[in-house]
Amino acid sequence: MANIASARKRIRQTAKRTARNTARKSRMRTFIKKVETAIAAGNQEEAREALRAAQPEIQRAAGKGVVHHNTASRKISRLSARIKAIATA
């Protein structure tokens, strides 16, 4: 356990930040799951709407440093490619 006041403060800050980041990551995953569910159902229009809602959430997570920018871009790109593939299938 930390004895120095500044170290105690850092522990409190880290706990808050970790909780916030966990919530952001979880929220992002939930939005992605909604898109994947629509893709699995084969409903392109619903999947497109879900991606439209998920995209800012994914980018927000990247902006806050929860996930890397390239990871966010890759997720969005792959989801949109899968949605486009529904039309041809």
PDB file of N, CA and C in Angstrom:
ATOM      1  N   MET A   1       0.843  -1.186   0.000  1.00  0.00           N
ATOM      2  CA  MET A   1       0.000   0.000   0.000  1.00  0.00           C
ATOM      3  C   MET A   1       0.879   1.237   0.000  1.00  0.00           C
ATOM      4  N   ALA A   2       0.452   2.244  -0.742  1.00  0.00           N
ATOM      5  CA  ALA A   2       1.238   3.470  -0.868  1.00  0.00           C
ATOM      6  C   ALA A   2       1.196   4.277   0.426  1.00  0.00           C
ATOM      7  N   ASN A   3       2.349   4.833   0.788  1.00  0.00           N
ATOM      8  CA  ASN A   3       2.446   5.656   1.996  1.00  0.00           C
ATOM      9  C   ASN A   3       2.466   7.143   1.677  1.00  0.00           C
ATOM     10  N   ILE A   4       2.910   7.479   0.481  1.00  0.00           N
ATOM     11  CA  ILE A   4       3.045   8.880   0.094  1.00  0.00           C
ATOM     12  C   ILE A   4       1.717   9.365  -0.482  1.00  0.00           C
ATOM     13  N   ALA A   5       1.366  10.589  -0.148  1.00  0.00           N
ATOM     14  CA  ALA A   5       0.073  11.152  -0.558  1.00  0.00           C
ATOM     15  C   ALA A   5      -0.094  11.165  -2.075  1.00  0.00           C
ATOM     16  N   SER A   6       0.956  11.536  -2.788  1.00  0.00           N
ATOM     17  CA  SER A   6       0.871  11.600  -4.247  1.00  0.00           C
ATOM     18  C   SER A   6       0.671  10.205  -4.847  1.00  0.00           C
ATOM     19  N   ALA A   7       1.261   9.197  -4.220  1.00  0.00           N
ATOM     20  CA  ALA A   7       1.094   7.821  -4.688  1.00  0.00           C
ATOM     21  C   ALA A   7      -0.331   7.339  -4.444  1.00  0.00           C
ATOM     22  N   ARG A   8      -0.909   7.746  -3.292  1.00  0.00           N
ATOM     23  CA  ARG A   8      -2.304   7.398  -3.012  1.00  0.00           C
ATOM     24  C   ARG A   8      -3.231   8.038  -4.038  1.00  0.00           C
ATOM     25  N   LYS A   9      -2.931   9.274  -4.377  1.00  0.00           N
ATOM     26  CA  LYS A   9      -3.734   9.986  -5.376  1.00  0.00           C
ATOM     27  C   LYS A   9      -3.631   9.290  -6.734  1.00  0.00           C
ATOM     28  N   ARG A  10      -2.429   8.868  -7.108  1.00  0.00           N
ATOM     29  CA  ARG A  10      -2.241   8.176  -8.391  1.00  0.00           C
ATOM     30  C   ARG A  10      -3.052   6.881  -8.420  1.00  0.00           C
ATOM     31  N   ILE A  11      -3.127   6.184  -7.303  1.00  0.00           N
ATOM     32  CA  ILE A  11      -3.912   4.948  -7.219  1.00  0.00           C
ATOM     33  C   ILE A  11      -5.388   5.250  -7.460  1.00  0.00           C
ATOM     34  N   ARG A  12      -5.882   6.344  -6.821  1.00  0.00           N
ATOM     35  CA  ARG A  12      -7.279   6.742  -7.020  1.00  0.00           C
ATOM     36  C   ARG A  12      -7.535   7.120  -8.480  1.00  0.00           C
ATOM     37  N   GLN A  13      -6.609   7.867  -9.067  1.00  0.00           N
ATOM     38  CA  GLN A  13      -6.768   8.300 -10.462  1.00  0.00           C
ATOM     39  C   GLN A  13      -6.770   7.097 -11.409  1.00  0.00           C
ATOM     40  N   THR A  14      -5.861   6.169 -11.157  1.00  0.00           N
ATOM     41  CA  THR A  14      -5.765   4.979 -11.999  1.00  0.00           C
ATOM     42  C   THR A  14      -7.031   4.149 -11.919  1.00  0.00           C
ATOM     43  N   ALA A  15      -7.594   4.014 -10.711  1.00  0.00           N
ATOM     44  CA  ALA A  15      -8.832   3.242 -10.540  1.00  0.00           C
ATOM     45  C   ALA A  15      -9.975   3.880 -11.323  1.00  0.00           C
ATOM     46  N   LYS A  16     -10.095   5.206 -11.248  1.00  0.00           N
ATOM     47  CA  LYS A  16     -11.140   5.921 -11.987  1.00  0.00           C
ATOM     48  C   LYS A  16     -10.956   5.745 -13.490  1.00  0.00           C
ATOM     49  N   ARG A  17      -9.732   5.941 -13.939  1.00  0.00           N
ATOM     50  CA  ARG A  17      -9.428   5.863 -15.366  1.00  0.00           C
ATOM     51  C   ARG A  17      -9.679   4.458 -15.901  1.00  0.00           C
ATOM     52  N   THR A  18      -9.289   3.449 -15.123  1.00  0.00           N
ATOM     53  CA  THR A  18      -9.489   2.066 -15.538  1.00  0.00           C
ATOM     54  C   THR A  18     -10.972   1.751 -15.678  1.00  0.00           C
ATOM     55  N   ALA A  19     -11.774   2.217 -14.715  1.00  0.00           N
ATOM     56  CA  ALA A  19     -13.223   1.985 -14.761  1.00  0.00           C
ATOM     57  C   ALA A  19     -13.831   2.664 -15.987  1.00  0.00           C
ATOM     58  N   ARG A  20     -13.391   3.877 -16.258  1.00  0.00           N
ATOM     59  CA  ARG A  20     -13.903   4.638 -17.403  1.00  0.00           C
ATOM     60  C   ARG A  20     -13.539   3.953 -18.721  1.00  0.00           C
ATOM     61  N   ASN A  21     -12.282   3.536 -18.822  1.00  0.00           N
ATOM     62  CA  ASN A  21     -11.821   2.877 -20.054  1.00  0.00           C
ATOM     63  C   ASN A  21     -12.517   1.541 -20.268  1.00  0.00           C
ATOM     64  N   THR A  22     -12.737   0.800 -19.180  1.00  0.00           N
ATOM     65  CA  THR A  22     -13.426  -0.484 -19.273  1.00  0.00           C
ATOM     66  C   THR A  22     -14.846  -0.278 -19.785  1.00  0.00           C
ATOM     67  N   ALA A  23     -15.511   0.762 -19.264  1.00  0.00           N
ATOM     68  CA  ALA A  23     -16.877   1.068 -19.695  1.00  0.00           C
ATOM     69  C   ALA A  23     -16.898   1.447 -21.171  1.00  0.00           C
ATOM     70  N   ARG A  24     -15.930   2.251 -21.601  1.00  0.00           N
ATOM     71  CA  ARG A  24     -15.864   2.661 -23.013  1.00  0.00           C
ATOM     72  C   ARG A  24     -15.641   1.460 -23.936  1.00  0.00           C
ATOM     73  N   LYS A  25     -14.721   0.594 -23.535  1.00  0.00           N
ATOM     74  CA  LYS A  25     -14.413  -0.575 -24.357  1.00  0.00           C
ATOM     75  C   LYS A  25     -15.617  -1.504 -24.435  1.00  0.00           C
ATOM     76  N   SER A  26     -16.302  -1.682 -23.300  1.00  0.00           N
ATOM     77  CA  SER A  26     -17.488  -2.531 -23.251  1.00  0.00           C
ATOM     78  C   SER A  26     -18.587  -1.969 -24.146  1.00  0.00           C
ATOM     79  N   ARG A  27     -18.790  -0.653 -24.078  1.00  0.00           N
ATOM     80  CA  ARG A  27     -19.797   0.011 -24.910  1.00  0.00           C
ATOM     81  C   ARG A  27     -19.487  -0.184 -26.388  1.00  0.00           C
ATOM     82  N   MET A  28     -18.205  -0.050 -26.741  1.00  0.00           N
ATOM     83  CA  MET A  28     -17.784  -0.242 -28.127  1.00  0.00           C
ATOM     84  C   MET A  28     -18.081  -1.671 -28.585  1.00  0.00           C
ATOM     85  N   ARG A  29     -17.751  -2.634 -27.736  1.00  0.00           N
ATOM     86  CA  ARG A  29     -17.987  -4.040 -28.074  1.00  0.00           C
ATOM     87  C   ARG A  29     -19.476  -4.328 -28.263  1.00  0.00           C
ATOM     88  N   THR A  30     -20.317  -3.708 -27.429  1.00  0.00           N
ATOM     89  CA  THR A  30     -21.766  -3.899 -27.539  1.00  0.00           C
ATOM     90  C   THR A  30     -22.269  -3.419 -28.890  1.00  0.00           C
ATOM     91  N   PHE A  31     -21.812  -2.241 -29.325  1.00  0.00           N
ATOM     92  CA  PHE A  31     -22.218  -1.700 -30.613  1.00  0.00           C
ATOM     93  C   PHE A  31     -21.741  -2.599 -31.760  1.00  0.00           C
ATOM     94  N   ILE A  32     -20.515  -3.113 -31.640  1.00  0.00           N
ATOM     95  CA  ILE A  32     -19.973  -4.013 -32.666  1.00  0.00           C
ATOM     96  C   ILE A  32     -20.798  -5.294 -32.721  1.00  0.00           C
ATOM     97  N   LYS A  33     -21.185  -5.787 -31.551  1.00  0.00           N
ATOM     98  CA  LYS A  33     -21.976  -7.018 -31.480  1.00  0.00           C
ATOM     99  C   LYS A  33     -23.324  -6.851 -32.177  1.00  0.00           C
ATOM    100  N   LYS A  34     -23.930  -5.659 -32.033  1.00  0.00           N
ATOM    101  CA  LYS A  34     -25.202  -5.386 -32.706  1.00  0.00           C
ATOM    102  C   LYS A  34     -25.034  -5.465 -34.224  1.00  0.00           C
ATOM    103  N   VAL A  35     -23.919  -4.945 -34.737  1.00  0.00           N
ATOM    104  CA  VAL A  35     -23.646  -5.000 -36.178  1.00  0.00           C
ATOM    105  C   VAL A  35     -23.471  -6.449 -36.607  1.00  0.00           C
ATOM    106  N   GLU A  36     -22.684  -7.208 -35.846  1.00  0.00           N
ATOM    107  CA  GLU A  36     -22.416  -8.606 -36.195  1.00  0.00           C
ATOM    108  C   GLU A  36     -23.682  -9.459 -36.136  1.00  0.00           C
ATOM    109  N   THR A  37     -24.576  -9.158 -35.208  1.00  0.00           N
ATOM    110  CA  THR A  37     -25.849  -9.880 -35.121  1.00  0.00           C
ATOM    111  C   THR A  37     -26.679  -9.633 -36.369  1.00  0.00           C
ATOM    112  N   ALA A  38     -26.723  -8.381 -36.809  1.00  0.00           N
ATOM    113  CA  ALA A  38     -27.476  -8.036 -38.023  1.00  0.00           C
ATOM    114  C   ALA A  38     -26.858  -8.686 -39.249  1.00  0.00           C
ATOM    115  N   ILE A  39     -25.530  -8.762 -39.297  1.00  0.00           N
ATOM    116  CA  ILE A  39     -24.845  -9.409 -40.419  1.00  0.00           C
ATOM    117  C   ILE A  39     -25.181 -10.896 -40.432  1.00  0.00           C
ATOM    118  N   ALA A  40     -25.137 -11.527 -39.250  1.00  0.00           N
ATOM    119  CA  ALA A  40     -25.438 -12.957 -39.152  1.00  0.00           C
ATOM    120  C   ALA A  40     -26.875 -13.255 -39.581  1.00  0.00           C
ATOM    121  N   ALA A  41     -27.782 -12.308 -39.298  1.00  0.00           N
ATOM    122  CA  ALA A  41     -29.181 -12.482 -39.691  1.00  0.00           C
ATOM    123  C   ALA A  41     -29.366 -12.250 -41.194  1.00  0.00           C
ATOM    124  N   GLY A  42     -28.370 -11.648 -41.823  1.00  0.00           N
ATOM    125  CA  GLY A  42     -28.436 -11.393 -43.266  1.00  0.00           C
ATOM    126  C   GLY A  42     -29.244 -10.153 -43.613  1.00  0.00           C
ATOM    127  N   ASN A  43     -29.497  -9.319 -42.622  1.00  0.00           N
ATOM    128  CA  ASN A  43     -30.282  -8.103 -42.828  1.00  0.00           C
ATOM    129  C   ASN A  43     -29.325  -6.939 -43.111  1.00  0.00           C
ATOM    130  N   GLN A  44     -29.145  -6.616 -44.381  1.00  0.00           N
ATOM    131  CA  GLN A  44     -28.159  -5.603 -44.758  1.00  0.00           C
ATOM    132  C   GLN A  44     -28.539  -4.209 -44.276  1.00  0.00           C
ATOM    133  N   GLU A  45     -29.809  -3.849 -44.413  1.00  0.00           N
ATOM    134  CA  GLU A  45     -30.240  -2.500 -44.019  1.00  0.00           C
ATOM    135  C   GLU A  45     -30.080  -2.286 -42.510  1.00  0.00           C
ATOM    136  N   GLU A  46     -30.460  -3.292 -41.728  1.00  0.00           N
ATOM    137  CA  GLU A  46     -30.310  -3.207 -40.273  1.00  0.00           C
ATOM    138  C   GLU A  46     -28.832  -3.144 -39.888  1.00  0.00           C
ATOM    139  N   ALA A  47     -28.007  -3.926 -40.584  1.00  0.00           N
ATOM    140  CA  ALA A  47     -26.564  -3.940 -40.320  1.00  0.00           C
ATOM    141  C   ALA A  47     -25.947  -2.582 -40.652  1.00  0.00           C
ATOM    142  N   ARG A  48     -26.414  -1.984 -41.742  1.00  0.00           N
ATOM    143  CA  ARG A  48     -25.898  -0.670 -42.144  1.00  0.00           C
ATOM    144  C   ARG A  48     -26.239   0.387 -41.091  1.00  0.00           C
ATOM    145  N   GLU A  49     -27.466   0.324 -40.576  1.00  0.00           N
ATOM    146  CA  GLU A  49     -27.890   1.267 -39.530  1.00  0.00           C
ATOM    147  C   GLU A  49     -27.082   1.049 -38.241  1.00  0.00           C
ATOM    148  N   ALA A  50     -26.863  -0.215 -37.899  1.00  0.00           N
ATOM    149  CA  ALA A  50     -26.093  -0.536 -36.687  1.00  0.00           C
ATOM    150  C   ALA A  50     -24.654  -0.048 -36.816  1.00  0.00           C
ATOM    151  N   LEU A  51     -24.078  -0.177 -38.014  1.00  0.00           N
ATOM    152  CA  LEU A  51     -22.708   0.298 -38.245  1.00  0.00           C
ATOM    153  C   LEU A  51     -22.662   1.814 -38.153  1.00  0.00           C
ATOM    154  N   ARG A  52     -23.706   2.471 -38.668  1.00  0.00           N
ATOM    155  CA  ARG A  52     -23.767   3.935 -38.602  1.00  0.00           C
ATOM    156  C   ARG A  52     -23.772   4.409 -37.141  1.00  0.00           C
ATOM    157  N   ALA A  53     -24.386   3.622 -36.266  1.00  0.00           N
ATOM    158  CA  ALA A  53     -24.402   3.960 -34.840  1.00  0.00           C
ATOM    159  C   ALA A  53     -23.088   3.573 -34.159  1.00  0.00           C
ATOM    160  N   ALA A  54     -22.480   2.476 -34.622  1.00  0.00           N
ATOM    161  CA  ALA A  54     -21.264   1.954 -33.984  1.00  0.00           C
ATOM    162  C   ALA A  54     -20.017   2.752 -34.358  1.00  0.00           C
ATOM    163  N   GLN A  55     -20.004   3.278 -35.557  1.00  0.00           N
ATOM    164  CA  GLN A  55     -18.804   3.954 -36.057  1.00  0.00           C
ATOM    165  C   GLN A  55     -18.332   5.100 -35.158  1.00  0.00           C
ATOM    166  N   PRO A  56     -19.202   6.038 -34.765  1.00  0.00           N
ATOM    167  CA  PRO A  56     -18.710   7.099 -33.876  1.00  0.00           C
ATOM    168  C   PRO A  56     -18.270   6.575 -32.515  1.00  0.00           C
ATOM    169  N   GLU A  57     -18.896   5.510 -32.061  1.00  0.00           N
ATOM    170  CA  GLU A  57     -18.528   4.928 -30.767  1.00  0.00           C
ATOM    171  C   GLU A  57     -17.122   4.328 -30.835  1.00  0.00           C
ATOM    172  N   ILE A  58     -16.818   3.644 -31.934  1.00  0.00           N
ATOM    173  CA  ILE A  58     -15.493   3.053 -32.130  1.00  0.00           C
ATOM    174  C   ILE A  58     -14.447   4.159 -32.246  1.00  0.00           C
ATOM    175  N   GLN A  59     -14.768   5.191 -33.020  1.00  0.00           N
ATOM    176  CA  GLN A  59     -13.824   6.302 -33.194  1.00  0.00           C
ATOM    177  C   GLN A  59     -13.611   7.074 -31.894  1.00  0.00           C
ATOM    178  N   ARG A  60     -14.659   7.182 -31.089  1.00  0.00           N
ATOM    179  CA  ARG A  60     -14.535   7.856 -29.790  1.00  0.00           C
ATOM    180  C   ARG A  60     -13.584   7.079 -28.889  1.00  0.00           C
ATOM    181  N   ALA A  61     -13.700   5.744 -28.911  1.00  0.00           N
ATOM    182  CA  ALA A  61     -12.803   4.906 -28.101  1.00  0.00           C
ATOM    183  C   ALA A  61     -11.358   5.097 -28.546  1.00  0.00           C
ATOM    184  N   ALA A  62     -11.154   5.228 -29.854  1.00  0.00           N
ATOM    185  CA  ALA A  62      -9.805   5.453 -30.378  1.00  0.00           C
ATOM    186  C   ALA A  62      -9.303   6.838 -29.969  1.00  0.00           C
ATOM    187  N   GLY A  63     -10.177   7.820 -30.026  1.00  0.00           N
ATOM    188  CA  GLY A  63      -9.799   9.185 -29.655  1.00  0.00           C
ATOM    189  C   GLY A  63      -9.419   9.305 -28.194  1.00  0.00           C
ATOM    190  N   LYS A  64     -10.042   8.511 -27.352  1.00  0.00           N
ATOM    191  CA  LYS A  64      -9.745   8.535 -25.917  1.00  0.00           C
ATOM    192  C   LYS A  64      -8.566   7.636 -25.564  1.00  0.00           C
ATOM    193  N   GLY A  65      -8.035   6.909 -26.551  1.00  0.00           N
ATOM    194  CA  GLY A  65      -6.865   6.067 -26.305  1.00  0.00           C
ATOM    195  C   GLY A  65      -7.192   4.698 -25.754  1.00  0.00           C
ATOM    196  N   VAL A  66      -8.467   4.306 -25.794  1.00  0.00           N
ATOM    197  CA  VAL A  66      -8.853   2.988 -25.287  1.00  0.00           C
ATOM    198  C   VAL A  66      -8.382   1.918 -26.268  1.00  0.00           C
ATOM    199  N   VAL A  67      -8.541   2.187 -27.568  1.00  0.00           N
ATOM    200  CA  VAL A  67      -7.994   1.321 -28.617  1.00  0.00           C
ATOM    201  C   VAL A  67      -7.163   2.180 -29.560  1.00  0.00           C
ATOM    202  N   HIS A  68      -6.249   1.562 -30.278  1.00  0.00           N
ATOM    203  CA  HIS A  68      -5.390   2.278 -31.214  1.00  0.00           C
ATOM    204  C   HIS A  68      -6.213   2.742 -32.415  1.00  0.00           C
ATOM    205  N   HIS A  69      -5.814   3.844 -33.024  1.00  0.00           N
ATOM    206  CA  HIS A  69      -6.540   4.381 -34.184  1.00  0.00           C
ATOM    207  C   HIS A  69      -6.610   3.381 -35.333  1.00  0.00           C
ATOM    208  N   ASN A  70      -5.508   2.679 -35.559  1.00  0.00           N
ATOM    209  CA  ASN A  70      -5.495   1.692 -36.647  1.00  0.00           C
ATOM    210  C   ASN A  70      -6.443   0.531 -36.353  1.00  0.00           C
ATOM    211  N   THR A  71      -6.542   0.140 -35.097  1.00  0.00           N
ATOM    212  CA  THR A  71      -7.454  -0.930 -34.702  1.00  0.00           C
ATOM    213  C   THR A  71      -8.891  -0.515 -34.978  1.00  0.00           C
ATOM    214  N   ALA A  72      -9.220   0.732 -34.619  1.00  0.00           N
ATOM    215  CA  ALA A  72     -10.570   1.245 -34.852  1.00  0.00           C
ATOM    216  C   ALA A  72     -10.883   1.262 -36.347  1.00  0.00           C
ATOM    217  N   SER A  73      -9.934   1.753 -37.139  1.00  0.00           N
ATOM    218  CA  SER A  73     -10.128   1.815 -38.588  1.00  0.00           C
ATOM    219  C   SER A  73     -10.303   0.423 -39.175  1.00  0.00           C
ATOM    220  N   ARG A  74      -9.511  -0.510 -38.685  1.00  0.00           N
ATOM    221  CA  ARG A  74      -9.583  -1.890 -39.181  1.00  0.00           C
ATOM    222  C   ARG A  74     -10.944  -2.510 -38.861  1.00  0.00           C
ATOM    223  N   LYS A  75     -11.431  -2.295 -37.645  1.00  0.00           N
ATOM    224  CA  LYS A  75     -12.736  -2.847 -37.255  1.00  0.00           C
ATOM    225  C   LYS A  75     -13.847  -2.286 -38.129  1.00  0.00           C
ATOM    226  N   ILE A  76     -13.852  -0.971 -38.327  1.00  0.00           N
ATOM    227  CA  ILE A  76     -14.880  -0.326 -39.145  1.00  0.00           C
ATOM    228  C   ILE A  76     -14.809  -0.828 -40.580  1.00  0.00           C
ATOM    229  N   SER A  77     -13.600  -0.923 -41.102  1.00  0.00           N
ATOM    230  CA  SER A  77     -13.394  -1.365 -42.482  1.00  0.00           C
ATOM    231  C   SER A  77     -13.883  -2.797 -42.689  1.00  0.00           C
ATOM    232  N   ARG A  78     -13.541  -3.668 -41.768  1.00  0.00           N
ATOM    233  CA  ARG A  78     -13.929  -5.081 -41.914  1.00  0.00           C
ATOM    234  C   ARG A  78     -15.429  -5.271 -41.761  1.00  0.00           C
ATOM    235  N   LEU A  79     -16.039  -4.509 -40.851  1.00  0.00           N
ATOM    236  CA  LEU A  79     -17.486  -4.612 -40.678  1.00  0.00           C
ATOM    237  C   LEU A  79     -18.212  -4.117 -41.940  1.00  0.00           C
ATOM    238  N   SER A  80     -17.754  -2.999 -42.490  1.00  0.00           N
ATOM    239  CA  SER A  80     -18.412  -2.472 -43.699  1.00  0.00           C
ATOM    240  C   SER A  80     -18.210  -3.404 -44.877  1.00  0.00           C
ATOM    241  N   ALA A  81     -17.066  -4.067 -44.966  1.00  0.00           N
ATOM    242  CA  ALA A  81     -16.817  -5.033 -46.042  1.00  0.00           C
ATOM    243  C   ALA A  81     -17.759  -6.219 -45.899  1.00  0.00           C
ATOM    244  N   ARG A  82     -17.993  -6.656 -44.673  1.00  0.00           N
ATOM    245  CA  ARG A  82     -18.909  -7.783 -44.440  1.00  0.00           C
ATOM    246  C   ARG A  82     -20.353  -7.397 -44.780  1.00  0.00           C
ATOM    247  N   ILE A  83     -20.703  -6.149 -44.513  1.00  0.00           N
ATOM    248  CA  ILE A  83     -22.056  -5.684 -44.842  1.00  0.00           C
ATOM    249  C   ILE A  83     -22.241  -5.635 -46.363  1.00  0.00           C
ATOM    250  N   LYS A  84     -21.219  -5.153 -47.063  1.00  0.00           N
ATOM    251  CA  LYS A  84     -21.282  -5.104 -48.528  1.00  0.00           C
ATOM    252  C   LYS A  84     -21.385  -6.502 -49.117  1.00  0.00           C
ATOM    253  N   ALA A  85     -20.748  -7.473 -48.464  1.00  0.00           N
ATOM    254  CA  ALA A  85     -20.743  -8.844 -48.962  1.00  0.00           C
ATOM    255  C   ALA A  85     -22.131  -9.490 -48.854  1.00  0.00           C
ATOM    256  N   ILE A  86     -22.991  -8.972 -47.989  1.00  0.00           N
ATOM    257  CA  ILE A  86     -24.345  -9.521 -47.825  1.00  0.00           C
ATOM    258  C   ILE A  86     -25.118  -9.373 -49.143  1.00  0.00           C
ATOM    259  N   ALA A  87     -24.960  -8.254 -49.826  1.00  0.00           N
ATOM    260  CA  ALA A  87     -25.696  -7.983 -51.056  1.00  0.00           C
ATOM    261  C   ALA A  87     -25.364  -8.986 -52.156  1.00  0.00           C
ATOM    262  N   THR A  88     -24.080  -9.339 -52.258  1.00  0.00           N
ATOM    263  CA  THR A  88     -23.663 -10.279 -53.311  1.00  0.00           C
ATOM    264  C   THR A  88     -24.008 -11.728 -52.968  1.00  0.00           C
ATOM    265  N   ALA A  89     -24.100 -12.031 -51.673  1.00  0.00           N
ATOM    266  CA  ALA A  89     -24.350 -13.414 -51.260  1.00  0.00           C
ATOM    267  C   ALA A  89     -25.797 -13.837 -51.450  1.00  0.00           C
TER     268      ALA A  89
END
